[in-house]
């Protein structure tokens, strides 16, 4: 399966550089695509921990939370994503 191969590549990249935000985001998306929502949230959360100004991570994590039925958590993530996007636009 292509997603699992890509996840393995992400795992290797993360093992080399555990601060690679891009790889956590990519792995989060791959996990979400195959229905591994808990793992996706963990990946997006780790990316946010490393770089908390990434609006896309908040948006993607919010989307996964919707899939899990966590509407309040999703609203909070979407709110933060919107604020981050607005701050970029107004800068």
C-alpha atoms as a PDB file:
ATOM      1  CA  UNK A   1       0.000   0.000   0.000  1.00  0.00           C
ATOM      2  CA  UNK A   2       1.383   3.388  -0.992  1.00  0.00           C
ATOM      3  CA  UNK A   3       0.404   5.177   2.220  1.00  0.00           C
ATOM      4  CA  UNK A   4       2.190   2.704   4.459  1.00  0.00           C
ATOM      5  CA  UNK A   5       5.343   2.958   2.327  1.00  0.00           C
ATOM      6  CA  UNK A   6       5.182   6.743   2.547  1.00  0.00           C
ATOM      7  CA  UNK A   7       4.619   6.539   6.306  1.00  0.00           C
ATOM      8  CA  UNK A   8       7.789   4.444   6.603  1.00  0.00           C
ATOM      9  CA  UNK A   9       9.715   7.100   4.699  1.00  0.00           C
ATOM     10  CA  UNK A  10       8.359   9.738   7.084  1.00  0.00           C
ATOM     11  CA  UNK A  11       9.325   7.564  10.054  1.00  0.00           C
ATOM     12  CA  UNK A  12      12.898   7.322   8.777  1.00  0.00           C
ATOM     13  CA  UNK A  13      13.110  11.068   8.161  1.00  0.00           C
ATOM     14  CA  UNK A  14      11.755  11.778  11.658  1.00  0.00           C
ATOM     15  CA  UNK A  15      14.264   9.365  13.203  1.00  0.00           C
ATOM     16  CA  UNK A  16      17.044  11.360  11.523  1.00  0.00           C
ATOM     17  CA  UNK A  17      15.581  14.758  12.438  1.00  0.00           C
ATOM     18  CA  UNK A  18      12.883  14.641  15.136  1.00  0.00           C
ATOM     19  CA  UNK A  19      12.196  18.369  14.627  1.00  0.00           C
ATOM     20  CA  UNK A  20      11.157  18.023  10.983  1.00  0.00           C
ATOM     21  CA  UNK A  21       7.725  19.673  11.002  1.00  0.00           C
ATOM     22  CA  UNK A  22       7.119  18.837   7.342  1.00  0.00           C
ATOM     23  CA  UNK A  23       7.466  15.093   7.965  1.00  0.00           C
ATOM     24  CA  UNK A  24       5.055  15.146  10.918  1.00  0.00           C
ATOM     25  CA  UNK A  25       2.532  17.037   8.770  1.00  0.00           C
ATOM     26  CA  UNK A  26       2.984  14.596   5.891  1.00  0.00           C
ATOM     27  CA  UNK A  27       2.657  11.564   8.161  1.00  0.00           C
ATOM     28  CA  UNK A  28      -0.400  13.113   9.801  1.00  0.00           C
ATOM     29  CA  UNK A  29      -2.052  13.492   6.410  1.00  0.00           C
ATOM     30  CA  UNK A  30      -1.162   9.940   5.417  1.00  0.00           C
ATOM     31  CA  UNK A  31      -2.510   8.574   8.704  1.00  0.00           C
ATOM     32  CA  UNK A  32      -5.727  10.549   8.296  1.00  0.00           C
ATOM     33  CA  UNK A  33      -6.104   9.257   4.730  1.00  0.00           C
ATOM     34  CA  UNK A  34      -6.077   5.658   5.955  1.00  0.00           C
ATOM     35  CA  UNK A  35      -8.362   6.338   8.916  1.00  0.00           C
ATOM     36  CA  UNK A  36      -5.719   6.337  11.643  1.00  0.00           C
ATOM     37  CA  UNK A  37      -7.140   9.472  13.209  1.00  0.00           C
ATOM     38  CA  UNK A  38      -5.519   9.135  16.631  1.00  0.00           C
ATOM     39  CA  UNK A  39      -2.090   8.848  15.031  1.00  0.00           C
ATOM     40  CA  UNK A  40      -2.871  11.775  12.729  1.00  0.00           C
ATOM     41  CA  UNK A  41      -3.778  13.967  15.697  1.00  0.00           C
ATOM     42  CA  UNK A  42      -0.553  12.957  17.448  1.00  0.00           C
ATOM     43  CA  UNK A  43       1.470  13.896  14.361  1.00  0.00           C
ATOM     44  CA  UNK A  44      -0.236  17.261  13.891  1.00  0.00           C
ATOM     45  CA  UNK A  45       0.108  17.966  17.616  1.00  0.00           C
ATOM     46  CA  UNK A  46       3.836  17.218  17.478  1.00  0.00           C
ATOM     47  CA  UNK A  47       4.223  19.521  14.470  1.00  0.00           C
ATOM     48  CA  UNK A  48       2.354  22.238  16.374  1.00  0.00           C
ATOM     49  CA  UNK A  49       4.578  21.696  19.413  1.00  0.00           C
ATOM     50  CA  UNK A  50       7.642  22.251  17.219  1.00  0.00           C
ATOM     51  CA  UNK A  51       6.215  25.146  15.195  1.00  0.00           C
ATOM     52  CA  UNK A  52       3.039  26.596  16.751  1.00  0.00           C
ATOM     53  CA  UNK A  53       2.520  29.210  14.004  1.00  0.00           C
ATOM     54  CA  UNK A  54       1.633  26.686  11.293  1.00  0.00           C
ATOM     55  CA  UNK A  55      -2.026  27.375  10.521  1.00  0.00           C
ATOM     56  CA  UNK A  56      -2.266  24.324   8.246  1.00  0.00           C
ATOM     57  CA  UNK A  57      -1.453  21.984  11.138  1.00  0.00           C
ATOM     58  CA  UNK A  58      -4.256  23.436  13.237  1.00  0.00           C
ATOM     59  CA  UNK A  59      -6.666  23.248  10.306  1.00  0.00           C
ATOM     60  CA  UNK A  60      -5.722  19.656   9.488  1.00  0.00           C
ATOM     61  CA  UNK A  61      -5.936  18.586  13.129  1.00  0.00           C
ATOM     62  CA  UNK A  62      -9.348  20.249  13.343  1.00  0.00           C
ATOM     63  CA  UNK A  63     -10.511  18.304  10.308  1.00  0.00           C
ATOM     64  CA  UNK A  64      -9.416  15.032  11.912  1.00  0.00           C
ATOM     65  CA  UNK A  65     -11.192  16.004  15.127  1.00  0.00           C
ATOM     66  CA  UNK A  66     -14.400  16.489  13.131  1.00  0.00           C
ATOM     67  CA  UNK A  67     -13.999  12.938  11.825  1.00  0.00           C
ATOM     68  CA  UNK A  68     -13.707  11.740  15.426  1.00  0.00           C
ATOM     69  CA  UNK A  69     -16.768  13.732  16.514  1.00  0.00           C
ATOM     70  CA  UNK A  70     -14.774  16.201  18.620  1.00  0.00           C
ATOM     71  CA  UNK A  71     -16.611  19.254  17.343  1.00  0.00           C
ATOM     72  CA  UNK A  72     -15.539  21.563  20.179  1.00  0.00           C
ATOM     73  CA  UNK A  73     -11.888  20.605  19.739  1.00  0.00           C
ATOM     74  CA  UNK A  74     -12.214  21.135  15.998  1.00  0.00           C
ATOM     75  CA  UNK A  75     -13.749  24.580  16.497  1.00  0.00           C
ATOM     76  CA  UNK A  76     -10.823  25.609  18.672  1.00  0.00           C
ATOM     77  CA  UNK A  77      -8.281  24.401  16.104  1.00  0.00           C
ATOM     78  CA  UNK A  78     -10.141  26.144  13.257  1.00  0.00           C
ATOM     79  CA  UNK A  79     -10.257  29.342  15.318  1.00  0.00           C
ATOM     80  CA  UNK A  80      -6.494  29.252  15.892  1.00  0.00           C
ATOM     81  CA  UNK A  81      -5.867  28.474  12.207  1.00  0.00           C
ATOM     82  CA  UNK A  82      -7.982  31.475  11.211  1.00  0.00           C
ATOM     83  CA  UNK A  83      -6.169  33.786  13.638  1.00  0.00           C
ATOM     84  CA  UNK A  84      -2.784  32.611  12.360  1.00  0.00           C
ATOM     85  CA  UNK A  85      -3.850  33.095   8.740  1.00  0.00           C
ATOM     86  CA  UNK A  86      -5.199  36.572   9.474  1.00  0.00           C
ATOM     87  CA  UNK A  87      -1.979  37.565  11.224  1.00  0.00           C
ATOM     88  CA  UNK A  88      -0.002  36.533   8.133  1.00  0.00           C
ATOM     89  CA  UNK A  89      -2.323  38.479   5.839  1.00  0.00           C
ATOM     90  CA  UNK A  90      -2.134  41.634   7.944  1.00  0.00           C
ATOM     91  CA  UNK A  91       1.651  41.556   8.294  1.00  0.00           C
END
